Structures are given as C-alpha cells and as structure tokens.
Amino acid sequence: DITESRLTEEQLRYQSTHDAMTNIYNRAFFEEELARLERSREFPVSVVVADVDQLKITNDTQGHTAGDELIRHAANVLRAVFRAGDVLARIGGDEFAVLLPNTNAVTAEQLLSRVRAKLVEHNTQHPDLPVQVSLGAATAAKDALVEAFTLADQRMYADKATRKASANDSPAI
C-alpha cells in the first residue's frame, strides 16, 4: 500500500533528523542547517548554546530516569522560547544549540533573557526537578557562522564557570 509506504518513509525521515528523547532536532540535522545557513542570505545569524547544569549530580543522586526527565524539561523550556523557524537541536548529552536566522546580537541577548525568565517560571512550577542551564550566544555575519558557534560555546562555558563560582561563594546555611 502506497499510503503505508509513504507513512513509513516520513517516520524514517523524522527519526533521522530528530532526537528520540526530546523530539527536537538532532546534531546531524543541526550540522546540515549550519552548513546551509552558511551559504544562505539569512544573515545575521545568531547561535545560542545551552548546557544543562548538574546533570551528573541528578543522575548520581536520583537516577538516570530523573536525568532524562531533566533533559526533556530543558528542551521544553527552550522550545517554549524559540520561534518555529529557529533550529533548536540537542547536540550532545546535555547540550543544546539554536540557529537563529535573520537575528542580530541584540535580539539574541533578549532571547537569552527570555530563556532565563522561562527557567524561573518552570522551576516555580516544578520545584522537584529544577532546571539550571548555562547559556552563550554569538552572532555571525556572512562566512563566519562556524566561528560564531565556537564563540557561543565558549561563552556558555564562561557562563557555567561564573555560575559555579557564584554557587561556591554562597554562604552555607
């Protein structure tokens, strides 16, 4: 039956481009879109990199099921902030990236603020499994998209270090 064959083909195409746990794009699709955008006229393109904080602690203390749930919650927070035309992908175990075509640096920073606000809202609603995410963003002009991705990743790691240092400086109660 042609309908069944077409449905199977569509399911296979979806599975090849999406992360099974979060139902957002996977790393392979992200890399294809990065290459496509590099050749496009959709500049400026901003890139956001997000990394879930303390996943290992969650896995070690609450189990991998809780860790998987934490990743799904993080994906849902990000999905709620970014636009349908943006490319939100899970690019590693607890790392996400977003390609934002036609988005300047000011707008990218506004989106990071919206992610942070959405995290506060989420954590108020889900105090049993709070999501903390380190973020970085960068904006590329033509022919510099890969460099912007690298810079966004570096900025995310700087945010992670700052957040970790702030947590360590907090007085014990």
Protein backbone atom coordinates (compact mmCIF):
# COMPACT_ATOMS: atom_id res chain seq x y z
CA ASP A 1 0.00 0.00 0.00
CA ILE A 2 1.42 3.36 -1.09
CA THR A 3 -0.04 5.27 1.87
CA GLU A 4 1.61 2.93 4.36
CA SER A 5 4.92 3.12 2.49
CA ARG A 6 4.78 6.92 2.45
CA LEU A 7 3.98 6.99 6.17
CA THR A 8 6.94 4.69 6.91
CA GLU A 9 9.20 6.91 4.81
CA GLU A 10 8.04 10.03 6.68
CA GLN A 11 8.63 8.30 10.04
CA LEU A 12 12.15 7.31 8.99
CA ARG A 13 12.90 10.84 7.79
CA TYR A 14 11.66 12.27 11.11
CA GLN A 15 13.71 9.77 13.12
CA SER A 16 16.84 10.61 11.13
CA THR A 17 16.56 14.33 11.92
CA HIS A 18 15.13 14.33 15.47
CA ASP A 19 16.38 13.35 18.90
CA ALA A 20 14.24 10.48 20.22
CA MET A 21 14.27 11.66 23.85
CA THR A 22 13.30 15.31 23.32
CA ASN A 23 11.63 15.34 19.87
CA ILE A 24 13.72 18.33 18.81
CA TYR A 25 16.29 18.27 16.04
CA ASN A 26 19.42 16.15 16.45
CA ARG A 27 23.07 17.05 15.91
CA ALA A 28 23.17 15.72 12.33
CA PHE A 29 20.30 17.98 11.30
CA PHE A 30 21.84 20.91 13.19
CA GLU A 31 25.12 20.50 11.30
CA GLU A 32 23.28 20.30 7.96
CA GLU A 33 21.41 23.52 8.78
CA LEU A 34 24.63 25.21 9.93
CA ALA A 35 26.17 24.43 6.52
CA ARG A 36 23.02 25.52 4.68
CA LEU A 37 22.80 28.81 6.58
CA GLU A 38 26.49 29.49 5.95
CA ARG A 39 25.63 29.61 2.22
CA SER A 40 22.34 31.48 2.69
CA ARG A 41 21.30 35.11 2.62
CA GLU A 42 19.68 34.91 6.06
CA PHE A 43 22.36 36.93 7.85
CA PRO A 44 22.91 37.99 10.50
CA VAL A 45 22.57 34.54 12.07
CA SER A 46 22.83 34.18 15.82
CA VAL A 47 23.75 30.97 17.59
CA VAL A 48 22.79 30.03 21.14
CA VAL A 49 24.45 27.19 23.02
CA ALA A 50 22.86 25.84 26.21
CA ASP A 51 24.17 23.22 28.61
CA VAL A 52 22.16 21.64 31.43
CA ASP A 53 23.90 22.20 34.75
CA GLN A 54 24.33 19.42 37.31
CA LEU A 55 23.04 16.57 35.16
CA LYS A 56 25.66 14.22 36.60
CA ILE A 57 24.56 15.05 40.16
CA THR A 58 20.94 14.39 39.21
CA ASN A 59 21.89 11.07 37.59
CA ASP A 60 24.01 10.05 40.60
CA THR A 61 21.50 11.03 43.30
CA GLN A 62 18.11 10.50 41.63
CA GLY A 63 18.90 8.05 38.84
CA HIS A 64 19.14 8.23 35.07
CA THR A 65 15.37 8.38 34.66
CA ALA A 66 15.38 11.70 36.55
CA GLY A 67 18.36 12.85 34.46
CA ASP A 68 16.47 12.04 31.26
CA GLU A 69 13.47 13.94 32.60
CA LEU A 70 15.73 16.91 33.36
CA ILE A 71 16.92 16.91 29.73
CA ARG A 72 13.32 16.74 28.48
CA HIS A 73 12.33 19.64 30.77
CA ALA A 74 15.27 21.71 29.49
CA ALA A 75 14.23 21.01 25.89
CA ASN A 76 10.66 22.07 26.68
CA VAL A 77 11.83 25.35 28.23
CA LEU A 78 13.93 26.10 25.16
CA ARG A 79 11.12 25.05 22.81
CA ALA A 80 8.78 27.49 24.57
CA VAL A 81 11.13 30.44 23.95
CA PHE A 82 12.41 29.98 20.41
CA ARG A 83 10.44 30.52 17.20
CA ALA A 84 9.20 27.77 14.92
CA GLY A 85 11.68 28.85 12.20
CA ASP A 86 14.65 28.60 14.55
CA VAL A 87 16.65 25.38 14.56
CA LEU A 88 16.63 24.02 18.12
CA ALA A 89 18.69 20.85 18.45
CA ARG A 90 20.10 18.54 21.08
CA ILE A 91 23.73 18.32 20.00
CA GLY A 92 25.12 16.29 22.88
CA GLY A 93 24.08 14.51 26.06
CA ASP A 94 23.05 17.65 27.92
CA GLU A 95 23.94 20.28 25.34
CA PHE A 96 21.58 22.14 23.05
CA ALA A 97 22.15 24.67 20.27
CA VAL A 98 19.86 27.02 18.40
CA LEU A 99 20.40 28.61 15.00
CA LEU A 100 18.57 31.92 14.67
CA PRO A 101 18.42 33.10 11.05
CA ASN A 102 17.97 36.85 10.47
CA THR A 103 18.66 37.55 14.14
CA ASN A 104 21.07 40.24 15.36
CA ALA A 105 23.05 40.24 18.62
CA VAL A 106 20.56 42.45 20.48
CA THR A 107 17.70 40.08 19.71
CA ALA A 108 19.84 37.07 20.64
CA GLU A 109 20.55 38.61 24.07
CA GLN A 110 16.83 39.31 24.51
CA LEU A 111 16.16 35.64 23.79
CA LEU A 112 18.70 34.59 26.44
CA SER A 113 16.83 36.79 28.92
CA ARG A 114 13.58 35.10 27.91
CA VAL A 115 15.17 31.66 28.46
CA ARG A 116 16.28 32.71 31.95
CA ALA A 117 12.79 34.02 32.77
CA LYS A 118 11.20 30.83 31.44
CA LEU A 119 13.57 28.78 33.63
CA VAL A 120 12.43 30.70 36.73
CA GLU A 121 8.80 30.10 35.73
CA HIS A 122 9.47 26.41 35.07
CA ASN A 123 11.31 25.92 38.37
CA THR A 124 8.47 27.55 40.29
CA GLN A 125 6.06 25.07 38.70
CA HIS A 126 8.46 22.08 39.07
CA PRO A 127 10.40 22.55 42.32
CA ASP A 128 11.01 18.78 42.50
CA LEU A 129 13.18 18.84 39.34
CA PRO A 130 14.54 22.36 38.77
CA VAL A 131 16.38 23.04 35.52
CA GLN A 132 19.53 25.15 35.53
CA VAL A 133 21.12 25.98 32.20
CA SER A 134 24.32 27.78 31.24
CA LEU A 135 23.96 29.89 28.09
CA GLY A 136 26.12 31.52 25.47
CA ALA A 137 25.31 33.39 22.27
CA ALA A 138 27.16 34.89 19.33
CA THR A 139 26.14 36.50 16.05
CA ALA A 140 27.70 35.93 12.65
CA ALA A 141 27.99 37.97 9.55
CA LYS A 142 28.42 36.16 6.23
CA ASP A 143 31.17 33.49 6.18
CA ALA A 144 31.65 33.39 9.97
CA LEU A 145 28.89 31.10 11.20
CA VAL A 146 31.14 28.26 12.39
CA GLU A 147 33.24 30.79 14.29
CA ALA A 148 30.08 32.20 15.90
CA PHE A 149 29.09 28.70 17.00
CA THR A 150 32.53 28.25 18.58
CA LEU A 151 32.28 31.63 20.32
CA ALA A 152 28.76 30.87 21.61
CA ASP A 153 30.10 27.60 23.02
CA GLN A 154 33.00 29.43 24.73
CA ARG A 155 30.57 31.98 26.18
CA MET A 156 28.37 29.16 27.51
CA TYR A 157 31.39 27.65 29.30
CA ALA A 158 32.25 31.09 30.74
CA ASP A 159 28.64 31.39 31.99
CA LYS A 160 28.92 27.92 33.53
CA ALA A 161 32.17 28.87 35.32
CA THR A 162 30.64 32.10 36.61
CA ARG A 163 27.51 30.30 37.85
CA LYS A 164 29.61 27.61 39.52
CA ALA A 165 31.83 30.23 41.22
CA SER A 166 28.74 32.13 42.43
CA ALA A 167 27.26 28.92 43.84
CA ASN A 168 30.55 28.17 45.65
CA ASP A 169 30.66 31.70 47.10
CA SER A 170 27.18 31.38 48.60
CA PRO A 171 27.30 31.06 52.38
CA ALA A 172 26.32 27.70 53.81
CA ILE A 173 23.05 27.72 55.71
